[in-house]
Amino acid sequence: MDLKKVPESVKTVFDKFPLVEYGPADLPNIKEKKSKKSGTVYVDDDSECSIYPESVRLITTLKLAGILDKFEIVTASIHASPIKSLPYIYLTPQKGQRTLYPHTKSFYDWLRTAAVTKLPEFDHVKLRPVLSLIEVRLRDAYLMTLYGYGSNYNNIVLRHMALKYSSGETAVPSLLPRVLAYTTYLSQDRVLRRNNGPLNDTVRQTILTNASEALHALDTLCANHSDLGVLDAAIYGYVWTIMSTDLRNMAGSAEAELRTMVKQHKSLVSLATRVERELTLKPHVLVNSTN
């Protein structure tokens, strides 16, 4: 038996999944090709129909820094992630062989040295209270609206999972997407309950009130804005996602309260439009049950 070749019995396993077999002479070229990138960015989704604000935020941050093209962008699943969350960055061995968790102090320290485009100076500690308006208040309201409202879960989450894990654009949710959607819902529900306690009508209204206050504060902050920086990428990630997702209210009969609130804050909408225009990012595509 020639150990350098794949046995015929094993090759049959790949009848439906292409197997590429490389000779020894080709292997150095593959290694060299892989080493040209600084690393890999693993995101939930990088399409114009993304429903994952943190993935949009990370891609925007890297593009603001002028280094997005240095990374390979890979769409992954949170269930297959070694850290059980997305997005994250894996740097190639010669760049430090480490995993970077976005929007932590170590990430921003790395970003300062890796950036090609100079970003406005920022203090991560001083920026933390402002970012918490986005990462806690706005995020909780978004997760509640997307996963906690039946119409959005059925028409957006399930459909998105079906399209993500199939090759056809007319996919109907099968068992696998349904299981993945449900387990994702459970993980996001745990986040909501950890931050707010058991969800009831009073708690839901409090979450929306907190989001409204956060949006007002961020809108005031962005009223007289100049250079784009990491805070703008964070705001854009959520504002863009909320505006481009056809979120409905609890009954599914009208636009979700959160989406209406975002659209009422003109400075935030203007900022999102500016980021999209200046960075030539993917335009808004409304995500709903018919897309």
Protein backbone atom coordinates (compact mmCIF):
# COMPACT_ATOMS: atom_id res chain seq x y z
CA MET A 1 0.00 0.00 0.00
CA ASP A 2 1.35 3.39 -1.01
CA LEU A 3 0.93 5.65 2.03
CA LYS A 4 1.52 8.75 -0.11
CA LYS A 5 -1.73 8.23 -2.02
CA VAL A 6 -5.33 8.38 -0.88
CA PRO A 7 -6.88 4.86 -1.03
CA GLU A 8 -9.70 4.41 -3.53
CA SER A 9 -12.08 3.32 -0.77
CA VAL A 10 -11.50 6.62 1.02
CA LYS A 11 -11.85 8.68 -2.17
CA THR A 12 -15.42 7.44 -2.59
CA VAL A 13 -16.34 9.35 0.55
CA PHE A 14 -15.67 12.53 -1.40
CA ASP A 15 -17.98 11.74 -4.34
CA LYS A 16 -20.24 14.55 -3.20
CA PHE A 17 -17.52 16.65 -1.60
CA PRO A 18 -14.57 17.52 -3.86
CA LEU A 19 -11.20 16.16 -2.79
CA VAL A 20 -8.13 18.00 -4.03
CA GLU A 21 -4.98 15.90 -3.86
CA TYR A 22 -1.66 17.76 -3.95
CA GLY A 23 1.71 16.26 -4.81
CA PRO A 24 4.75 16.91 -2.59
CA ALA A 25 6.10 19.52 -5.03
CA ASP A 26 2.93 21.59 -4.71
CA LEU A 27 2.90 21.77 -0.92
CA PRO A 28 5.54 24.53 -0.53
CA ASN A 29 3.52 26.72 -2.91
CA ILE A 30 0.37 26.25 -0.82
CA LYS A 31 2.23 27.18 2.34
CA GLU A 32 3.71 30.23 0.70
CA LYS A 33 0.32 31.33 -0.59
CA LYS A 34 -1.26 31.08 2.85
CA SER A 35 1.48 33.09 4.50
CA LYS A 36 0.75 36.20 2.43
CA LYS A 37 -2.18 37.12 4.66
CA SER A 38 -1.77 38.54 8.14
CA GLY A 39 -4.44 36.22 9.42
CA THR A 40 -8.09 35.20 9.20
CA VAL A 41 -11.17 37.08 10.32
CA TYR A 42 -13.97 34.73 11.32
CA VAL A 43 -17.42 36.35 11.14
CA ASP A 44 -21.04 35.22 11.29
CA ASP A 45 -21.71 36.72 7.88
CA ASP A 46 -20.08 39.31 5.62
CA SER A 47 -22.92 39.72 3.13
CA GLU A 48 -24.99 42.82 2.43
CA CYS A 49 -27.82 41.05 4.28
CA SER A 50 -25.93 40.48 7.53
CA ILE A 51 -28.00 40.38 10.72
CA TYR A 52 -24.90 40.28 12.94
CA PRO A 53 -23.88 43.80 14.08
CA GLU A 54 -20.63 42.72 15.76
CA SER A 55 -19.36 41.17 12.51
CA VAL A 56 -20.29 44.34 10.60
CA ARG A 57 -18.53 46.36 13.30
CA LEU A 58 -15.27 44.38 13.12
CA ILE A 59 -15.10 44.49 9.31
CA THR A 60 -15.76 48.25 9.43
CA THR A 61 -13.06 48.76 12.07
CA LEU A 62 -10.46 46.90 10.01
CA LYS A 63 -11.41 48.82 6.88
CA LEU A 64 -11.15 52.14 8.74
CA ALA A 65 -7.65 51.10 9.77
CA GLY A 66 -6.79 50.26 6.15
CA ILE A 67 -5.93 46.62 6.87
CA LEU A 68 -9.06 44.67 5.90
CA ASP A 69 -7.45 43.46 2.66
CA LYS A 70 -4.60 41.93 4.67
CA PHE A 71 -6.97 39.31 6.09
CA GLU A 72 -8.95 36.43 4.71
CA ILE A 73 -12.63 36.77 5.63
CA VAL A 74 -14.28 33.47 6.51
CA THR A 75 -17.96 32.98 7.28
CA ALA A 76 -18.17 30.61 10.23
CA SER A 77 -20.66 29.23 12.72
CA ILE A 78 -20.67 30.08 16.40
CA HIS A 79 -21.20 26.37 17.07
CA ALA A 80 -17.88 25.51 15.41
CA SER A 81 -15.97 28.40 16.95
CA PRO A 82 -13.18 27.33 19.35
CA ILE A 83 -14.09 30.25 21.60
CA LYS A 84 -17.87 29.73 21.24
CA SER A 85 -18.38 33.25 19.93
CA LEU A 86 -17.99 35.31 16.77
CA PRO A 87 -16.35 37.33 15.39
CA TYR A 88 -12.66 36.91 16.18
CA ILE A 89 -9.28 37.23 14.48
CA TYR A 90 -6.63 34.56 14.16
CA LEU A 91 -3.19 35.97 13.36
CA THR A 92 -0.79 33.88 11.30
CA PRO A 93 2.16 32.33 13.19
CA GLN A 94 4.70 34.85 11.96
CA LYS A 95 2.39 37.63 13.18
CA GLY A 96 2.25 36.26 16.74
CA GLN A 97 0.15 33.08 16.42
CA ARG A 98 -2.65 34.25 18.63
CA THR A 99 -6.36 34.81 18.69
CA LEU A 100 -7.61 38.37 19.03
CA TYR A 101 -10.95 39.04 20.67
CA PRO A 102 -12.42 42.19 19.08
CA HIS A 103 -12.88 45.39 21.04
CA THR A 104 -10.81 44.37 24.04
CA LYS A 105 -7.81 46.35 25.30
CA SER A 106 -5.39 43.89 23.67
CA PHE A 107 -7.26 44.23 20.38
CA TYR A 108 -7.04 48.02 20.42
CA ASP A 109 -3.35 47.90 21.42
CA TRP A 110 -2.74 45.65 18.41
CA LEU A 111 -4.86 47.87 16.16
CA ARG A 112 -2.78 50.95 16.95
CA THR A 113 0.39 49.27 15.70
CA ALA A 114 -1.20 47.37 12.78
CA ALA A 115 -3.24 50.24 11.32
CA VAL A 116 -2.11 51.63 7.97
CA THR A 117 -4.58 54.50 8.06
CA LYS A 118 -4.09 56.66 11.15
CA LEU A 119 -7.10 56.46 13.44
CA PRO A 120 -8.16 59.27 15.77
CA GLU A 121 -6.43 58.79 19.12
CA PHE A 122 -8.61 57.12 21.73
CA ASP A 123 -8.34 55.89 25.30
CA HIS A 124 -9.97 52.49 25.61
CA VAL A 125 -10.69 52.99 29.34
CA LYS A 126 -12.33 56.39 28.81
CA LEU A 127 -14.20 55.09 25.77
CA ARG A 128 -15.60 52.14 27.73
CA PRO A 129 -18.70 53.92 29.19
CA VAL A 130 -19.70 55.15 25.72
CA LEU A 131 -19.16 51.74 24.13
CA SER A 132 -21.28 50.15 26.87
CA LEU A 133 -24.26 52.12 25.55
CA ILE A 134 -23.83 50.16 22.33
CA GLU A 135 -22.57 46.81 23.62
CA VAL A 136 -25.13 46.50 26.43
CA ARG A 137 -28.18 48.72 25.99
CA LEU A 138 -28.45 48.74 22.20
CA ARG A 139 -27.33 45.13 21.87
CA ASP A 140 -29.89 43.89 24.42
CA ALA A 141 -32.69 45.67 22.56
CA TYR A 142 -31.56 44.23 19.25
CA LEU A 143 -31.25 40.67 20.57
CA MET A 144 -34.66 40.90 22.22
CA THR A 145 -36.28 42.22 19.03
CA LEU A 146 -34.60 39.73 16.69
CA TYR A 147 -34.78 36.54 18.74
CA GLY A 148 -37.54 37.29 21.23
CA TYR A 149 -40.25 38.35 18.77
CA GLY A 150 -41.76 35.35 17.01
CA SER A 151 -42.31 37.08 13.67
CA ASN A 152 -38.65 38.12 13.44
CA TYR A 153 -37.35 34.74 14.56
CA ASN A 154 -39.42 32.91 11.96
CA ASN A 155 -39.08 35.34 9.04
CA ILE A 156 -35.51 36.54 9.54
CA VAL A 157 -33.44 34.24 11.76
CA LEU A 158 -34.72 30.92 10.40
CA ARG A 159 -34.59 32.08 6.79
CA HIS A 160 -31.11 33.53 7.23
CA MET A 161 -29.84 30.25 8.68
CA ALA A 162 -31.39 28.32 5.81
CA LEU A 163 -29.69 30.52 3.21
CA LYS A 164 -26.39 30.47 5.09
CA TYR A 165 -26.21 26.68 5.18
CA SER A 166 -27.44 25.89 1.69
CA SER A 167 -26.36 26.65 -1.85
CA GLY A 168 -29.75 27.73 -3.16
CA GLU A 169 -31.34 31.11 -2.61
CA THR A 170 -34.81 29.61 -2.28
CA ALA A 171 -33.90 27.39 0.63
CA VAL A 172 -36.59 26.30 3.06
CA PRO A 173 -35.49 25.84 6.69
CA SER A 174 -34.63 22.18 7.20
CA LEU A 175 -33.70 20.41 10.43
CA LEU A 176 -30.08 21.63 10.58
CA PRO A 177 -30.81 25.36 10.17
CA ARG A 178 -33.68 25.06 12.65
CA VAL A 179 -31.44 23.41 15.23
CA LEU A 180 -28.69 25.99 14.71
CA ALA A 181 -31.18 28.85 14.87
CA TYR A 182 -32.67 27.51 18.10
CA THR A 183 -29.33 26.94 19.81
CA THR A 184 -28.28 30.45 18.79
CA TYR A 185 -31.52 31.76 20.26
CA LEU A 186 -30.79 29.94 23.54
CA SER A 187 -27.31 31.48 23.79
CA GLN A 188 -28.63 35.00 23.08
CA ASP A 189 -31.50 34.48 25.50
CA ARG A 190 -28.98 33.63 28.23
CA VAL A 191 -27.20 36.92 27.54
CA LEU A 192 -30.47 38.83 27.86
CA ARG A 193 -31.47 37.08 31.08
CA ARG A 194 -28.00 37.57 32.57
CA ASN A 195 -28.21 41.31 31.90
CA ASN A 196 -31.90 41.86 32.70
CA GLY A 197 -33.35 38.90 34.59
CA PRO A 198 -36.42 36.91 33.46
CA LEU A 199 -38.11 38.58 30.51
CA ASN A 200 -41.63 39.90 30.95
CA ASP A 201 -43.53 42.89 29.61
CA THR A 202 -42.05 45.25 32.21
CA VAL A 203 -38.49 44.10 31.55
CA ARG A 204 -38.98 44.32 27.78
CA GLN A 205 -40.19 47.91 28.11
CA THR A 206 -37.20 48.73 30.32
CA ILE A 207 -34.82 47.31 27.69
CA LEU A 208 -36.42 49.51 25.02
CA THR A 209 -36.30 52.57 27.31
CA ASN A 210 -32.60 51.96 28.00
CA ALA A 211 -31.97 51.65 24.26
CA SER A 212 -33.84 54.90 23.61
CA GLU A 213 -31.68 56.73 26.17
CA ALA A 214 -28.53 55.23 24.66
CA LEU A 215 -29.54 56.30 21.15
CA HIS A 216 -30.25 59.84 22.34
CA ALA A 217 -26.83 60.08 24.02
CA LEU A 218 -25.03 58.67 20.97
CA ASP A 219 -26.98 60.95 18.63
CA THR A 220 -25.90 64.00 20.65
CA LEU A 221 -22.29 62.77 20.64
CA CYS A 222 -22.32 62.38 16.84
CA ALA A 223 -23.93 65.74 16.11
CA ASN A 224 -20.60 67.51 15.60
CA HIS A 225 -18.38 64.70 14.42
CA SER A 226 -15.18 64.95 12.38
CA ASP A 227 -12.77 62.05 11.81
CA LEU A 228 -14.09 58.50 11.75
CA GLY A 229 -12.76 56.14 14.42
CA VAL A 230 -13.44 52.98 16.39
CA LEU A 231 -16.55 54.42 18.06
CA ASP A 232 -18.06 55.21 14.66
CA ALA A 233 -17.45 51.62 13.54
CA ALA A 234 -19.32 50.38 16.62
CA ILE A 235 -22.23 52.75 16.02
CA TYR A 236 -22.33 51.84 12.33
CA GLY A 237 -22.38 48.11 13.07
CA TYR A 238 -25.63 48.39 15.00
CA VAL A 239 -27.33 51.29 13.21
CA TRP A 240 -26.66 49.73 9.77
CA THR A 241 -27.88 46.30 10.89
CA ILE A 242 -31.05 47.62 12.54
CA MET A 243 -31.90 49.88 9.58
CA SER A 244 -31.27 47.17 6.98
CA THR A 245 -33.24 44.45 8.78
CA ASP A 246 -37.03 44.46 8.47
CA LEU A 247 -37.60 44.07 12.21
CA ARG A 248 -41.26 43.83 13.22
CA ASN A 249 -43.02 44.41 16.54
CA MET A 250 -44.09 41.60 18.87
CA ALA A 251 -47.35 41.03 16.96
CA GLY A 252 -45.60 41.24 13.60
CA SER A 253 -48.11 43.86 12.48
CA ALA A 254 -45.85 46.92 12.28
CA GLU A 255 -42.25 48.08 12.31
CA ALA A 256 -40.37 47.21 15.50
CA GLU A 257 -40.06 49.94 18.10
CA LEU A 258 -36.26 49.71 18.03
CA ARG A 259 -36.05 50.27 14.27
CA THR A 260 -38.40 53.27 14.51
CA MET A 261 -36.29 54.77 17.30
CA VAL A 262 -33.05 54.43 15.32
CA LYS A 263 -34.54 56.11 12.24
CA GLN A 264 -35.64 59.07 14.38
CA HIS A 265 -32.05 59.92 15.36
CA LYS A 266 -30.82 61.87 12.34
CA SER A 267 -27.18 62.25 13.44
CA LEU A 268 -26.81 58.46 13.79
CA VAL A 269 -28.43 57.86 10.41
CA SER A 270 -26.16 60.50 8.83
CA LEU A 271 -23.11 58.90 10.42
CA ALA A 272 -24.05 55.45 9.11
CA THR A 273 -24.58 56.90 5.63
CA ARG A 274 -21.22 58.69 5.81
CA VAL A 275 -19.33 55.55 6.90
CA GLU A 276 -20.97 53.56 4.13
CA ARG A 277 -20.09 56.20 1.54
CA GLU A 278 -16.50 56.97 2.61
CA LEU A 279 -15.49 53.34 3.05
CA THR A 280 -17.46 52.15 -0.01
CA LEU A 281 -19.08 49.48 2.12
CA LYS A 282 -21.93 47.29 0.95
CA PRO A 283 -25.16 49.31 0.67
CA HIS A 284 -28.27 48.71 2.72
CA VAL A 285 -30.29 45.73 1.53
CA LEU A 286 -33.53 45.25 3.44
CA VAL A 287 -33.55 41.83 5.08
CA ASN A 288 -37.00 40.31 5.41
CA SER A 289 -38.93 37.13 4.65
CA THR A 290 -39.08 37.87 0.93
CA ASN A 291 -35.33 38.56 0.32
